[in-house]
N, C-alpha and C. Protein backbone atom coordinates (compact mmCIF):
# COMPACT_ATOMS: atom_id res chain seq x y z
N UNK A 1 -1.09 -15.19 14.74
CA UNK A 1 0.22 -15.21 14.17
C UNK A 1 1.32 -14.93 15.04
N UNK A 2 2.38 -16.26 15.06
CA UNK A 2 3.54 -15.72 15.68
C UNK A 2 4.65 -15.53 14.57
N UNK A 3 5.46 -14.89 15.80
CA UNK A 3 6.47 -14.13 14.58
C UNK A 3 7.42 -15.32 13.74
N UNK A 4 7.94 -16.53 13.86
CA UNK A 4 8.09 -17.01 12.46
C UNK A 4 6.99 -17.06 11.19
N UNK A 5 5.54 -17.70 12.00
CA UNK A 5 4.68 -17.52 11.10
C UNK A 5 4.96 -16.09 9.71
N UNK A 6 4.31 -15.18 10.60
CA UNK A 6 4.59 -13.93 10.33
C UNK A 6 5.64 -13.49 9.15
N UNK A 7 6.90 -14.32 9.74
CA UNK A 7 8.00 -13.80 8.58
C UNK A 7 8.28 -14.85 7.43
N UNK A 8 7.97 -16.08 7.21
CA UNK A 8 7.18 -17.09 6.53
C UNK A 8 6.58 -16.23 5.58
N UNK A 9 5.34 -15.39 6.23
CA UNK A 9 4.72 -14.80 4.92
C UNK A 9 5.44 -13.90 4.31
N UNK A 10 6.30 -13.10 5.05
CA UNK A 10 7.22 -11.62 5.25
C UNK A 10 7.81 -12.37 3.01
N UNK A 11 8.29 -13.60 4.10
CA UNK A 11 9.56 -13.90 3.01
C UNK A 11 9.07 -14.64 1.66
N UNK A 12 8.20 -15.17 1.76
CA UNK A 12 7.56 -15.37 0.46
C UNK A 12 6.52 -14.28 -0.31
N UNK A 13 6.55 -13.40 0.35
CA UNK A 13 5.72 -12.17 -0.52
C UNK A 13 6.59 -11.63 -0.86
N UNK A 14 7.73 -11.53 0.06
CA UNK A 14 8.84 -10.53 -1.39
C UNK A 14 9.52 -11.24 -2.15
N UNK A 15 9.30 -12.41 -2.05
CA UNK A 15 9.45 -13.49 -3.27
C UNK A 15 8.54 -13.03 -4.70
N UNK A 16 7.85 -13.30 -4.00
CA UNK A 16 6.33 -13.43 -4.90
C UNK A 16 6.69 -12.20 -5.83
N UNK A 17 6.87 -10.40 -4.89
CA UNK A 17 6.11 -9.38 -5.52
C UNK A 17 7.90 -8.82 -6.66
N UNK A 18 8.67 -9.92 -6.57
CA UNK A 18 9.84 -9.60 -7.41
C UNK A 18 10.11 -10.60 -8.11
N UNK A 19 9.44 -11.92 -8.69
CA UNK A 19 9.08 -12.85 -9.54
C UNK A 19 7.90 -12.25 -10.09
N UNK A 20 6.78 -11.41 -9.73
CA UNK A 20 5.73 -11.04 -10.46
C UNK A 20 6.40 -9.35 -11.13
N UNK A 21 7.81 -9.03 -10.74
CA UNK A 21 8.32 -7.78 -11.89
C UNK A 21 7.29 -6.56 -11.39
N UNK A 22 7.06 -6.95 -9.92
CA UNK A 22 6.52 -5.61 -9.16
C UNK A 22 7.76 -4.77 -8.86
N UNK A 23 8.82 -5.02 -8.53
CA UNK A 23 9.80 -4.79 -8.24
C UNK A 23 11.15 -4.80 -9.28
N UNK A 24 11.58 -3.63 -9.75
CA UNK A 24 12.62 -4.20 -10.91
C UNK A 24 14.09 -2.82 -10.13
N UNK A 25 15.16 -3.28 -10.85
CA UNK A 25 16.35 -3.32 -10.12
C UNK A 25 16.42 -2.66 -11.82
N UNK A 26 17.57 -1.23 -12.14
CA UNK A 26 17.99 -0.95 -13.30
C UNK A 26 17.81 0.69 -13.27
N UNK A 27 17.41 0.94 -14.25
CA UNK A 27 17.41 2.85 -14.40
C UNK A 27 16.60 3.15 -14.84
N UNK A 28 16.08 3.86 -13.99
CA UNK A 28 14.60 4.55 -14.48
C UNK A 28 14.07 6.24 -14.38
N UNK A 29 13.85 6.85 -14.23
CA UNK A 29 13.35 7.86 -14.43
C UNK A 29 11.61 8.27 -13.73
N UNK A 30 11.96 8.72 -12.53
CA UNK A 30 10.63 8.50 -11.45
C UNK A 30 9.80 9.73 -12.39
N UNK A 31 8.70 9.98 -11.38
CA UNK A 31 7.97 10.93 -11.97
C UNK A 31 8.01 12.39 -11.44
N UNK A 32 9.31 12.54 -10.96
CA UNK A 32 9.72 13.57 -9.48
C UNK A 32 11.06 13.90 -10.40
N UNK A 33 11.36 13.40 -11.86
CA UNK A 33 12.62 13.47 -12.63
C UNK A 33 13.91 12.86 -12.63
N UNK A 34 13.65 12.30 -11.33
CA UNK A 34 14.93 11.81 -10.75
C UNK A 34 14.77 10.34 -11.07
N UNK A 35 16.29 10.07 -11.29
CA UNK A 35 17.11 9.07 -12.31
C UNK A 35 17.00 8.02 -10.59
N UNK A 36 16.38 6.99 -10.42
CA UNK A 36 16.17 5.76 -9.55
C UNK A 36 16.82 4.54 -9.91
N UNK A 37 17.68 4.08 -9.04
CA UNK A 37 17.90 2.66 -9.95
C UNK A 37 16.84 1.20 -9.21
N UNK A 38 15.86 1.89 -8.20
CA UNK A 38 14.50 0.81 -7.81
C UNK A 38 13.37 1.64 -8.87
N UNK A 39 12.40 0.31 -8.98
CA UNK A 39 10.96 0.93 -9.72
C UNK A 39 10.19 0.19 -8.93
N UNK A 40 9.18 0.67 -8.26
CA UNK A 40 8.10 -0.46 -8.00
C UNK A 40 6.50 -0.21 -8.19
N UNK A 41 6.48 -1.28 -9.08
CA UNK A 41 4.44 -1.15 -10.16
C UNK A 41 4.32 -2.28 -9.31
N UNK A 42 3.19 -1.61 -8.64
CA UNK A 42 2.80 -3.14 -7.63
C UNK A 42 1.18 -3.36 -8.43
N UNK A 43 1.19 -1.81 -9.84
CA UNK A 43 0.10 -2.54 -10.39
C UNK A 43 -0.49 -4.33 -10.53
N UNK A 44 0.93 -4.80 -10.51
CA UNK A 44 1.12 -6.17 -11.70
C UNK A 44 0.83 -7.17 -10.90
N UNK A 45 0.62 -6.92 -9.64
CA UNK A 45 -0.10 -7.70 -8.60
C UNK A 45 -1.29 -8.87 -9.16
N UNK A 46 -2.04 -7.57 -9.38
CA UNK A 46 -2.97 -8.16 -10.64
C UNK A 46 -3.22 -9.54 -11.26
N UNK A 47 -1.95 -9.77 -12.08
CA UNK A 47 -1.77 -10.99 -12.85
C UNK A 47 -1.60 -11.87 -12.43
N UNK A 48 -1.80 -12.07 -10.63
CA UNK A 48 -0.60 -13.20 -10.25
C UNK A 48 -1.72 -13.40 -9.12
N UNK A 49 -2.73 -14.22 -9.44
CA UNK A 49 -3.75 -14.68 -8.40
C UNK A 49 -4.00 -14.71 -6.69
N UNK A 50 -2.34 -15.86 -7.30
CA UNK A 50 -1.94 -16.23 -5.47
C UNK A 50 -1.62 -15.35 -5.11
N UNK A 51 -0.49 -14.52 -5.72
CA UNK A 51 0.58 -13.10 -4.92
C UNK A 51 -0.70 -12.76 -4.36
N UNK A 52 -1.79 -12.30 -5.66
CA UNK A 52 -2.89 -11.36 -4.57
C UNK A 52 -3.29 -11.65 -3.62
N UNK A 53 -3.96 -12.99 -3.61
CA UNK A 53 -4.40 -13.49 -2.28
C UNK A 53 -3.66 -13.40 -1.54
N UNK A 54 -2.25 -13.85 -1.27
CA UNK A 54 -1.23 -13.38 -0.16
C UNK A 54 -1.11 -12.39 0.10
N UNK A 55 -1.09 -11.24 -0.99
CA UNK A 55 -1.25 -9.77 -0.58
C UNK A 55 -2.61 -9.62 0.43
N UNK A 56 -3.30 -10.13 0.04
CA UNK A 56 -4.87 -9.57 0.66
C UNK A 56 -4.35 -10.11 2.48
N UNK A 57 -4.17 -11.55 2.34
CA UNK A 57 -3.88 -11.61 3.77
C UNK A 57 -3.01 -11.07 4.76
N UNK A 58 -1.73 -10.77 4.07
CA UNK A 58 -1.34 -10.00 4.40
C UNK A 58 -1.13 -8.78 4.82
N UNK A 59 -2.47 -7.74 5.24
CA UNK A 59 -2.73 -6.80 6.08
C UNK A 59 -3.25 -6.91 7.17
N UNK A 60 -4.08 -8.59 6.59
CA UNK A 60 -4.91 -9.01 7.92
C UNK A 60 -4.53 -8.47 9.55
N UNK A 61 -2.68 -9.09 9.85
CA UNK A 61 -2.71 -8.71 10.62
C UNK A 61 -2.94 -7.54 12.01
N UNK A 62 -2.38 -6.39 10.59
CA UNK A 62 -2.73 -5.08 10.95
C UNK A 62 -3.72 -4.82 11.46
N UNK A 63 -4.77 -4.85 10.49
CA UNK A 63 -6.43 -4.78 10.32
C UNK A 63 -6.89 -5.00 11.46
N UNK A 64 -6.56 -6.29 12.17
CA UNK A 64 -7.26 -6.84 13.30
C UNK A 64 -6.80 -5.98 14.61
N UNK A 65 -6.26 -5.06 14.88
CA UNK A 65 -5.60 -4.41 15.38
C UNK A 65 -5.84 -2.68 15.71
N UNK A 66 -6.83 -2.68 14.69
CA UNK A 66 -7.54 -1.34 14.76
C UNK A 66 -8.98 -1.42 14.34
N UNK A 67 -9.02 -0.23 15.16
CA UNK A 67 -10.62 -0.21 14.80
C UNK A 67 -11.43 0.60 13.77
N UNK A 68 -12.17 -0.02 13.17
CA UNK A 68 -13.29 1.00 12.17
C UNK A 68 -14.35 -0.15 11.65
N UNK A 69 -15.23 0.49 10.81
CA UNK A 69 -15.91 -0.35 10.55
C UNK A 69 -16.05 -1.09 8.80
N UNK A 70 -14.75 0.00 8.01
CA UNK A 70 -15.27 -0.45 6.70
C UNK A 70 -13.49 -0.34 6.19
N UNK A 71 -13.58 -0.77 5.23
CA UNK A 71 -11.88 -0.44 4.61
C UNK A 71 -12.43 0.71 3.39
N UNK A 72 -11.65 1.57 2.78
CA UNK A 72 -11.68 2.34 1.40
C UNK A 72 -10.50 2.29 0.66
N UNK A 73 -10.89 1.33 -0.48
CA UNK A 73 -9.46 0.96 -1.05
C UNK A 73 -9.06 2.32 -2.48
N UNK A 74 -7.96 2.84 -2.17
CA UNK A 74 -7.57 3.73 -3.21
C UNK A 74 -7.17 3.53 -4.56
N UNK A 75 -8.59 4.55 -5.69
CA UNK A 75 -7.85 3.86 -7.11
C UNK A 75 -6.19 4.95 -7.26
N UNK A 76 -6.05 4.15 -8.35
CA UNK A 76 -6.64 2.52 -9.07
C UNK A 76 -5.67 1.24 -8.76
N UNK A 77 -4.69 1.32 -8.27
CA UNK A 77 -4.13 0.11 -8.03
C UNK A 77 -4.15 -0.27 -6.80
N UNK A 78 -4.90 0.02 -5.59
CA UNK A 78 -5.34 -0.40 -4.65
C UNK A 78 -7.02 -0.99 -4.41
N UNK A 79 -7.44 -0.85 -5.59
CA UNK A 79 -8.52 -1.66 -5.64
C UNK A 79 -8.87 -2.59 -5.85
N UNK A 80 -8.04 -3.98 -5.98
CA UNK A 80 -7.50 -5.06 -6.06
C UNK A 80 -7.23 -5.49 -5.10
N UNK A 81 -6.36 -4.82 -4.42
CA UNK A 81 -5.41 -4.92 -3.40
C UNK A 81 -6.78 -5.14 -2.34
N UNK A 82 -7.48 -4.04 -1.96
CA UNK A 82 -8.35 -4.05 -1.24
C UNK A 82 -9.47 -4.88 -0.58
N UNK A 83 -10.13 -5.43 -2.68
CA UNK A 83 -11.11 -6.29 -2.84
C UNK A 83 -10.30 -7.38 -2.39
N UNK A 84 -9.17 -7.86 -1.72
CA UNK A 84 -8.18 -8.95 -2.04
C UNK A 84 -8.80 -8.71 0.04
N UNK A 85 -8.56 -7.93 0.15
CA UNK A 85 -8.34 -8.35 1.26
C UNK A 85 -9.83 -8.07 2.25
N UNK A 86 -11.13 -7.10 1.94
CA UNK A 86 -12.37 -7.26 1.86
C UNK A 86 -12.74 -9.11 2.00
N UNK A 87 -12.16 -9.80 0.80
CA UNK A 87 -12.54 -10.59 0.86
C UNK A 87 -12.47 -11.83 1.72
N UNK A 88 -11.08 -12.16 2.46
CA UNK A 88 -10.17 -12.34 2.98
C UNK A 88 -10.96 -12.13 4.43
N UNK A 89 -10.64 -10.49 4.72
CA UNK A 89 -10.89 -10.19 6.45
C UNK A 89 -12.47 -10.05 7.00
N UNK A 90 -13.08 -10.09 5.89
CA UNK A 90 -15.36 -9.93 5.59
C UNK A 90 -15.42 -8.85 6.08
N UNK A 91 -14.70 -7.67 5.67
CA UNK A 91 -14.25 -6.47 5.69
C UNK A 91 -15.47 -5.25 4.75
N UNK A 92 -16.70 -4.71 4.93
CA UNK A 92 -16.80 -3.71 3.77
C UNK A 92 -15.95 -2.95 3.28
N UNK A 93 -16.02 -3.06 1.94
CA UNK A 93 -15.64 -1.84 1.37
C UNK A 93 -16.07 -0.94 0.70
N UNK A 94 -15.59 0.23 0.44
CA UNK A 94 -15.74 1.59 -0.64
C UNK A 94 -15.03 1.73 -1.10
N UNK A 95 -15.23 2.99 -2.04
CA UNK A 95 -13.59 3.47 -2.85
C UNK A 95 -14.39 4.93 -3.11
N UNK A 96 -13.80 5.99 -2.80
CA UNK A 96 -13.86 7.11 -3.60
C UNK A 96 -12.69 7.61 -4.56
N UNK A 97 -13.50 8.20 -5.61
CA UNK A 97 -13.65 8.16 -6.72
C UNK A 97 -12.69 8.89 -7.36
N UNK A 98 -11.72 8.83 -8.11
CA UNK A 98 -11.03 9.80 -8.71
C UNK A 98 -11.64 11.11 -9.35
N UNK A 99 -12.79 10.38 -10.51
CA UNK A 99 -13.51 11.74 -11.22
C UNK A 99 -14.96 11.46 -10.70
N UNK A 100 -15.61 12.53 -9.99
CA UNK A 100 -16.80 12.32 -9.61
C UNK A 100 -17.56 11.88 -10.72
N UNK A 101 -18.96 10.71 -10.75
CA UNK A 101 -19.67 10.80 -11.69
C UNK A 101 -20.69 11.89 -12.41
N UNK A 102 -20.77 11.83 -13.92
CA UNK A 102 -21.28 13.25 -13.99
C UNK A 102 -22.46 13.09 -14.45
N UNK A 103 -23.34 11.49 -14.20
CA UNK A 103 -24.49 11.29 -14.61
C UNK A 103 -24.78 10.31 -13.30
N UNK A 104 -26.64 9.87 -13.05
CA UNK A 104 -26.52 8.72 -12.42
C UNK A 104 -27.01 9.41 -11.08
N UNK A 105 -25.91 8.55 -9.78
CA UNK A 105 -25.95 9.24 -8.61
C UNK A 105 -24.92 10.03 -8.42
N UNK A 106 -23.81 10.31 -9.32
CA UNK A 106 -23.32 11.49 -9.43
C UNK A 106 -22.04 11.13 -7.79
N UNK A 107 -21.72 9.69 -8.03
CA UNK A 107 -21.28 9.79 -6.92
C UNK A 107 -19.87 9.73 -6.76
N UNK A 108 -19.08 10.61 -4.90
CA UNK A 108 -17.65 10.48 -5.06
C UNK A 108 -17.07 9.55 -4.26
N UNK A 109 -18.34 8.81 -3.70
CA UNK A 109 -17.74 7.39 -3.12
C UNK A 109 -18.35 6.02 -3.29
N UNK A 110 -17.90 5.27 -3.54
CA UNK A 110 -18.88 3.57 -4.45
C UNK A 110 -18.91 2.95 -2.88
N UNK A 111 -20.31 2.65 -2.79
CA UNK A 111 -20.30 1.15 -2.07
C UNK A 111 -21.25 2.08 -1.05
N UNK A 112 -21.38 1.13 -0.39
CA UNK A 112 -22.71 1.61 1.18
C UNK A 112 -21.89 2.48 2.48
N UNK A 113 -22.38 3.00 2.96
CA UNK A 113 -21.31 3.65 4.13
C UNK A 113 -22.29 5.05 4.92
N UNK A 114 -22.23 4.85 6.25
CA UNK A 114 -22.90 5.71 6.84
C UNK A 114 -21.80 6.69 7.15
N UNK A 115 -22.48 8.50 7.50
CA UNK A 115 -21.16 9.16 7.75
C UNK A 115 -21.75 8.71 9.82
N UNK A 116 -20.28 9.11 9.73
CA UNK A 116 -20.06 8.75 11.43
C UNK A 116 -18.96 7.43 11.49
N UNK A 117 -18.99 7.07 10.33
CA UNK A 117 -18.68 5.69 10.83
C UNK A 117 -16.73 6.01 10.25
N UNK A 118 -15.96 4.80 11.20
CA UNK A 118 -14.24 4.91 10.62
C UNK A 118 -14.48 4.32 9.37
N UNK A 119 -13.55 4.20 8.33
CA UNK A 119 -13.11 3.66 7.88
C UNK A 119 -11.27 3.53 7.73
N UNK A 120 -10.80 2.99 7.44
CA UNK A 120 -9.05 2.66 7.09
C UNK A 120 -8.91 2.53 5.52
N UNK A 121 -7.80 3.87 5.42
CA UNK A 121 -7.32 3.71 4.31
C UNK A 121 -6.62 2.63 3.70
N UNK A 122 -6.83 1.48 2.26
CA UNK A 122 -6.00 0.67 2.27
C UNK A 122 -5.38 1.22 0.71
N UNK A 123 -3.92 1.20 0.90
CA UNK A 123 -3.44 2.04 -0.48
C UNK A 123 -2.03 0.40 -0.69
N UNK A 124 -1.28 0.83 -1.52
CA UNK A 124 -0.48 -0.37 -2.15
C UNK A 124 1.10 0.41 -2.11
N UNK A 125 0.94 1.82 -2.23
CA UNK A 125 2.15 2.22 -2.17
C UNK A 125 2.46 3.11 -0.85
N UNK A 126 3.55 3.93 -0.25
CA UNK A 126 3.55 4.85 0.47
C UNK A 126 4.67 5.66 -0.15
N UNK A 127 4.98 7.25 -0.41
CA UNK A 127 6.42 7.77 -0.87
C UNK A 127 6.17 8.68 -0.20
N UNK A 128 5.20 10.22 -0.34
CA UNK A 128 5.56 11.33 -0.21
C UNK A 128 3.89 11.53 1.15
N UNK A 129 3.40 10.74 0.67
CA UNK A 129 2.10 10.91 0.93
C UNK A 129 0.93 11.44 0.46
N UNK A 130 1.30 12.72 -0.55
CA UNK A 130 0.55 13.36 -0.88
C UNK A 130 -0.61 12.78 -1.43
N UNK A 131 -0.66 11.63 -2.16
CA UNK A 131 -2.41 11.00 -3.05
C UNK A 131 -3.13 10.60 -1.95
N UNK A 132 -2.53 10.52 -0.49
CA UNK A 132 -3.52 10.01 0.34
C UNK A 132 -4.09 11.13 0.90
N UNK A 133 -3.62 12.08 1.04
CA UNK A 133 -4.76 13.14 2.15
C UNK A 133 -5.78 13.78 0.21
N UNK A 134 -5.74 13.89 -0.30
CA UNK A 134 -6.19 13.84 -1.30
C UNK A 134 -7.68 13.06 -1.03
N UNK A 135 -7.55 11.71 -1.21
CA UNK A 135 -8.56 10.94 -0.99
C UNK A 135 -9.12 10.85 0.39
N UNK A 136 -8.31 10.95 1.42
CA UNK A 136 -8.76 11.17 2.65
C UNK A 136 -10.15 12.26 2.43
N UNK A 137 -9.56 13.32 2.52
CA UNK A 137 -10.17 14.90 2.01
C UNK A 137 -11.63 14.43 1.64
N UNK A 138 -11.92 13.54 0.57
CA UNK A 138 -13.21 13.35 0.16
C UNK A 138 -13.64 11.99 1.13
N UNK A 139 -13.17 10.92 1.72
CA UNK A 139 -13.98 10.03 2.59
C UNK A 139 -14.36 11.71 4.21
N UNK A 140 -13.64 12.19 4.14
CA UNK A 140 -13.85 12.81 5.33
C UNK A 140 -14.75 14.05 5.35
N UNK A 141 -15.20 14.70 4.08
CA UNK A 141 -15.69 15.16 3.32
C UNK A 141 -17.15 14.74 3.33
N UNK A 142 -17.32 12.99 3.25
CA UNK A 142 -18.64 12.23 3.13
C UNK A 142 -19.09 12.57 4.92
N UNK A 143 -18.63 12.49 6.00
CA UNK A 143 -18.65 12.55 7.24
C UNK A 143 -18.45 10.89 7.35
N UNK A 144 -17.28 10.97 6.46
CA UNK A 144 -16.29 9.12 7.26
C UNK A 144 -15.74 10.08 8.48
N UNK A 145 -14.81 9.13 9.41
CA UNK A 145 -13.79 9.39 9.79
C UNK A 145 -12.37 8.37 9.55
N UNK A 146 -11.34 9.04 9.34
CA UNK A 146 -10.20 8.28 9.45
C UNK A 146 -9.02 8.88 10.46
N UNK A 147 -8.45 7.48 10.56
CA UNK A 147 -7.71 7.80 11.49
C UNK A 147 -5.99 6.91 11.23
N UNK A 148 -6.56 6.00 10.66
CA UNK A 148 -4.97 5.12 9.87
C UNK A 148 -5.19 4.64 8.41
N UNK A 149 -4.09 5.11 8.01
CA UNK A 149 -3.68 4.35 6.51
C UNK A 149 -2.69 2.98 6.52
N UNK A 150 -3.10 1.64 5.99
CA UNK A 150 -2.19 0.43 5.92
C UNK A 150 -1.51 0.34 4.16
N UNK A 151 -0.79 0.33 4.25
CA UNK A 151 -0.03 0.27 2.78
C UNK A 151 0.67 -1.42 2.65
N UNK A 152 1.05 -1.71 1.71
CA UNK A 152 1.64 -2.81 1.33
C UNK A 152 3.37 -2.54 1.43
N UNK A 153 3.49 -1.50 0.61
CA UNK A 153 4.73 -0.96 0.93
C UNK A 153 5.59 0.62 1.11
N UNK A 154 6.16 0.39 2.36
CA UNK A 154 6.30 2.01 2.40
C UNK A 154 7.62 2.37 2.11
N UNK A 155 8.21 3.23 0.78
CA UNK A 155 9.14 3.75 0.33
C UNK A 155 10.18 4.43 1.43
N UNK A 156 9.76 4.86 2.81
CA UNK A 156 10.42 5.17 3.74
C UNK A 156 10.95 6.58 3.20
N UNK A 157 9.74 7.53 2.43
CA UNK A 157 10.13 8.69 1.67
C UNK A 157 9.44 10.20 2.31
N UNK A 158 9.34 9.86 3.49
CA UNK A 158 8.46 10.87 4.25
C UNK A 158 7.26 10.58 4.13
N UNK A 159 6.17 9.78 3.31
CA UNK A 159 4.84 9.51 3.83
C UNK A 159 4.26 9.58 5.36
N UNK A 160 5.37 8.71 6.17
CA UNK A 160 4.96 8.36 8.46
C UNK A 160 4.65 10.02 8.37
N UNK A 161 6.21 10.52 8.16
CA UNK A 161 6.05 11.81 8.90
C UNK A 161 4.64 13.05 8.33
N UNK A 162 4.72 13.31 7.56
CA UNK A 162 3.47 13.74 6.41
C UNK A 162 1.93 13.62 7.13
N UNK A 163 1.73 12.19 7.11
CA UNK A 163 0.47 11.80 8.15
C UNK A 163 0.48 11.69 9.11
N UNK A 164 1.88 11.43 9.57
CA UNK A 164 1.18 12.18 11.26
C UNK A 164 1.38 13.06 11.78
N UNK A 165 1.92 14.01 10.71
CA UNK A 165 1.53 15.80 11.17
C UNK A 165 0.04 16.05 10.97
N UNK A 166 -0.43 15.42 10.23
CA UNK A 166 -1.81 15.92 9.91
C UNK A 166 -3.04 15.11 10.50
N UNK A 167 -2.35 13.68 11.45
CA UNK A 167 -3.15 13.51 12.46
C UNK A 167 -3.26 11.74 12.33
N UNK A 168 -2.96 11.34 11.43
CA UNK A 168 -2.98 9.70 10.91
C UNK A 168 -2.05 9.17 10.83
N UNK A 169 -2.38 7.82 10.88
CA UNK A 169 -1.50 6.40 11.40
C UNK A 169 -1.14 5.96 10.31
N UNK A 170 0.01 5.65 9.57
CA UNK A 170 0.52 5.10 8.58
C UNK A 170 1.27 3.62 9.07
N UNK A 171 0.47 2.40 8.70
CA UNK A 171 1.40 0.73 9.00
C UNK A 171 1.86 0.72 7.50
N UNK A 172 2.87 -0.15 7.46
CA UNK A 172 2.91 -0.78 5.88
C UNK A 172 2.95 -2.26 6.59
N UNK A 173 2.76 -3.05 5.47
CA UNK A 173 3.02 -4.62 5.26
C UNK A 173 4.69 -4.30 5.50
N UNK A 174 5.10 -3.68 4.63
CA UNK A 174 6.56 -4.15 4.60
C UNK A 174 7.16 -2.74 3.89
N UNK A 175 8.66 -2.54 4.58
CA UNK A 175 8.88 -1.56 4.50
C UNK A 175 10.24 -1.50 3.54
N UNK A 176 10.62 -0.88 2.34
CA UNK A 176 11.99 -1.14 1.59
C UNK A 176 13.32 -1.38 1.91
N UNK A 177 13.33 -1.17 3.61
CA UNK A 177 14.47 -1.72 4.04
C UNK A 177 14.52 -3.03 4.64
N UNK A 178 13.36 -3.32 4.97
CA UNK A 178 12.88 -5.29 5.05
C UNK A 178 13.36 -5.77 4.07
N UNK A 179 12.67 -4.85 2.94
CA UNK A 179 12.88 -5.84 1.44
C UNK A 179 14.27 -6.06 0.61
N UNK A 180 14.98 -5.18 0.94
CA UNK A 180 16.15 -4.86 0.43
C UNK A 180 17.38 -5.85 1.70
N UNK A 181 17.06 -5.77 3.05
CA UNK A 181 17.74 -6.74 3.93
C UNK A 181 17.60 -8.14 3.44
N UNK A 182 16.45 -8.71 3.50
CA UNK A 182 15.46 -9.62 3.03
C UNK A 182 16.22 -10.57 1.51
N UNK A 183 16.81 -9.24 0.93
CA UNK A 183 16.81 -9.48 -0.78
C UNK A 183 18.21 -9.75 -0.38
N UNK A 184 19.16 -9.01 0.22
CA UNK A 184 20.30 -9.27 0.34
C UNK A 184 20.60 -10.41 0.99
N UNK A 185 20.49 -11.28 2.23
CA UNK A 185 20.26 -11.96 2.61
C UNK A 185 20.49 -13.10 2.28
N UNK A 186 19.14 -13.84 1.08
CA UNK A 186 19.13 -14.28 0.44
C UNK A 186 19.68 -15.10 -0.63
N UNK A 187 20.41 -13.76 -0.94
CA UNK A 187 21.06 -13.42 -2.53
C UNK A 187 20.04 -13.50 -3.32
N UNK A 188 18.73 -12.86 -3.85
CA UNK A 188 17.52 -13.16 -4.71
C UNK A 188 18.28 -11.73 -5.60
N UNK A 189 19.06 -10.50 -5.41
CA UNK A 189 19.53 -9.74 -5.61
C UNK A 189 20.60 -9.11 -5.61
N UNK A 190 21.60 -8.94 -6.47
CA UNK A 190 23.07 -8.66 -6.40
C UNK A 190 23.25 -7.72 -5.58
N UNK A 191 24.04 -8.11 -4.56
CA UNK A 191 24.82 -6.65 -3.32
C UNK A 191 24.90 -5.63 -4.30
N UNK A 192 25.28 -5.23 -5.22
CA UNK A 192 25.78 -3.94 -6.03
C UNK A 192 24.48 -3.00 -5.86
N UNK A 193 23.52 -4.22 -6.78
CA UNK A 193 22.41 -3.45 -6.64
C UNK A 193 21.78 -2.83 -5.53
N UNK A 194 21.87 -3.88 -4.63
CA UNK A 194 20.82 -3.29 -3.26
C UNK A 194 22.11 -2.12 -2.28
N UNK A 195 23.39 -2.21 -2.40
CA UNK A 195 24.05 -0.62 -2.61
C UNK A 195 23.77 0.05 -2.89
N UNK A 196 23.55 -0.16 -4.34
CA UNK A 196 23.47 1.21 -5.26
C UNK A 196 21.80 1.37 -4.77
N UNK A 197 20.83 0.84 -4.22
CA UNK A 197 19.57 1.35 -3.74
C UNK A 197 19.41 2.15 -2.32
N UNK A 198 19.98 1.77 -1.82
CA UNK A 198 20.04 2.22 -0.40
C UNK A 198 21.10 3.66 -0.44
N UNK A 199 21.65 3.62 -1.08
CA UNK A 199 22.52 4.84 -1.16
C UNK A 199 21.32 5.86 -2.04
N UNK A 200 20.53 5.57 -2.73
CA UNK A 200 19.89 6.69 -3.42
C UNK A 200 18.83 6.84 -2.25
N UNK A 201 17.96 5.94 -1.97
CA UNK A 201 17.37 6.12 -0.49
C UNK A 201 17.63 7.14 0.36
N UNK A 202 18.85 7.09 0.69
CA UNK A 202 19.31 8.67 1.97
C UNK A 202 19.53 9.72 0.66
N UNK A 203 19.52 9.28 -0.13
CA UNK A 203 19.40 11.01 -0.78
C UNK A 203 21.52 11.14 -1.30
N UNK A 204 22.28 9.75 -1.28
CA UNK A 204 23.18 10.29 -1.74
C UNK A 204 23.66 10.35 -3.27
């Protein structure tokens, strides 16, 4: 995929995320209690099959450069995304459960895998990186090797740095900065909302 093709995919992906209501501008209270001018809800992707297909394809250029045997989707938001990636890239998929089954196999990880294999973690969003460590622990506890985490959107709130400190590389299809720049250039989002969001992300 050349640079122009990559940019074309990104621009339609950014438009798609906005149109599907995955990115909202306004006033939102975050889990941390902070008041934010932007809210990212990538769970909405599952209601737009074309967008889900496009999202799955957008991970492939990153994954093609990495060395691994399987992908591991994180529950719950990233499981449909990882499935789309698996179908388009032909990658075998597993996922760590949030809750261990109390019956049957009592599996912590669903899907077929072998200790010693390298898996790439697939998630939807990276904020601080906290939720990734819990999942990585389950995967490495089962004898799997994790080196890379790939997300659709990096909020640029410290996840890359905290994962790097622990020896993992974070790769993102899009960053919040790229998306804001694109929406400002194309006039898809009011300049005032863009400026407000940039200010918030800088912690001002």
